[in-house]
Each structure stands twice: as C-alpha cells, then as structure tokens.
C-alpha atoms as a PDB file:
ATOM      1  CA  MET A   1       0.081  31.720   0.984  1.00  0.00           C
ATOM      2  CA  ARG A   2      -1.272  29.964  -2.032  1.00  0.00           C
ATOM      3  CA  ALA A   3      -0.631  33.128  -4.159  1.00  0.00           C
ATOM      4  CA  ALA A   4       3.008  32.911  -2.856  1.00  0.00           C
ATOM      5  CA  GLY A   5       3.308  29.493  -4.259  1.00  0.00           C
ATOM      6  CA  VAL A   6       3.335  27.687  -0.934  1.00  0.00           C
ATOM      7  CA  GLU A   7       1.390  24.432  -0.966  1.00  0.00           C
ATOM      8  CA  ILE A   8      -1.063  24.097   2.047  1.00  0.00           C
ATOM      9  CA  ASP A   9      -3.447  21.720   3.485  1.00  0.00           C
ATOM     10  CA  ASP A  10      -6.508  22.664   5.179  1.00  0.00           C
ATOM     11  CA  HIS A  11      -7.665  20.133   7.947  1.00  0.00           C
ATOM     12  CA  GLY A  12     -10.469  22.184   9.699  1.00  0.00           C
ATOM     13  CA  GLN A  13     -13.082  19.923  11.399  1.00  0.00           C
ATOM     14  CA  PRO A  14     -16.596  20.870  12.457  1.00  0.00           C
ATOM     15  CA  GLY A  15     -16.955  21.220  16.192  1.00  0.00           C
ATOM     16  CA  PRO A  16     -13.322  21.487  17.541  1.00  0.00           C
ATOM     17  CA  MET A  17     -11.827  24.756  18.661  1.00  0.00           C
ATOM     18  CA  HIS A  18      -9.505  26.269  16.033  1.00  0.00           C
ATOM     19  CA  VAL A  19      -6.540  25.452  18.164  1.00  0.00           C
ATOM     20  CA  TYR A  20      -7.577  21.836  18.900  1.00  0.00           C
ATOM     21  CA  PRO A  21      -4.142  20.218  17.924  1.00  0.00           C
ATOM     22  CA  PRO A  22      -2.284  21.053  21.244  1.00  0.00           C
ATOM     23  CA  ILE A  23      -5.339  19.755  23.207  1.00  0.00           C
ATOM     24  CA  PRO A  24      -5.017  16.309  24.804  1.00  0.00           C
ATOM     25  CA  THR A  25      -7.931  14.727  22.796  1.00  0.00           C
ATOM     26  CA  PRO A  26      -8.403  12.180  20.060  1.00  0.00           C
ATOM     27  CA  GLU A  27      -8.725  14.847  17.500  1.00  0.00           C
ATOM     28  CA  GLY A  28      -5.774  16.924  18.866  1.00  0.00           C
ATOM     29  CA  ARG A  29      -3.622  13.848  18.702  1.00  0.00           C
ATOM     30  CA  ALA A  30      -4.696  12.934  15.227  1.00  0.00           C
ATOM     31  CA  ALA A  31      -3.898  16.669  14.102  1.00  0.00           C
ATOM     32  CA  ARG A  32      -0.405  16.755  15.778  1.00  0.00           C
ATOM     33  CA  ALA A  33       0.514  13.444  14.156  1.00  0.00           C
ATOM     34  CA  VAL A  34      -0.278  15.190  10.640  1.00  0.00           C
ATOM     35  CA  ILE A  35       1.641  18.197  11.633  1.00  0.00           C
ATOM     36  CA  VAL A  36       4.568  16.170  12.685  1.00  0.00           C
ATOM     37  CA  ASP A  37       4.578  14.089   9.475  1.00  0.00           C
ATOM     38  CA  ARG A  38       4.349  17.112   7.182  1.00  0.00           C
ATOM     39  CA  LEU A  39       7.273  18.724   9.082  1.00  0.00           C
ATOM     40  CA  ARG A  40       9.371  15.596   8.970  1.00  0.00           C
ATOM     41  CA  ASP A  41       8.734  15.046   5.206  1.00  0.00           C
ATOM     42  CA  ALA A  42       9.615  18.784   4.645  1.00  0.00           C
ATOM     43  CA  LEU A  43      12.768  18.753   6.686  1.00  0.00           C
ATOM     44  CA  THR A  44      14.042  15.476   5.686  1.00  0.00           C
ATOM     45  CA  PRO A  45      16.669  15.791   3.009  1.00  0.00           C
ATOM     46  CA  GLY A  46      16.027  14.126  -0.181  1.00  0.00           C
ATOM     47  CA  PRO A  47      18.305  12.377  -2.549  1.00  0.00           C
ATOM     48  CA  ILE A  48      21.356  14.545  -3.613  1.00  0.00           C
ATOM     49  CA  ARG A  49      21.202  15.575  -7.147  1.00  0.00           C
ATOM     50  CA  GLN A  50      24.209  15.726  -9.351  1.00  0.00           C
ATOM     51  CA  ALA A  51      24.974  19.065 -11.010  1.00  0.00           C
ATOM     52  CA  GLU A  52      24.226  18.990 -14.815  1.00  0.00           C
ATOM     53  CA  PRO A  53      27.319  19.119 -16.966  1.00  0.00           C
END
C-alpha cells in the first residue's frame, strides 16, 4: 500500500490475535475506536477550496 502512496498505520500488539478489533475485550474496543476515528477523519468532508483563477 505504501508503494501505491497510501498512508497506513500499523497498530499490531504483542499477544492479541490478529483479528482482535471485533472481539469484546479492552484491546478490541480500543482498536475499534482507532478504526472509527480514522474512517471518520477520512470520510468527513474538509473545507471547500475555491477554484484558482
């Protein structure tokens, strides 16, 4: 993904399974919160820029 210019964050943790975000544990809840925040930031429209003359 990086080679394609996509910004990524790796939030691996020692111990939890690789699919821990959907599991109802403190680590899963924290991971889901990060995912939701990143999606919200990516999908929230920013200020509208005026076309340059």
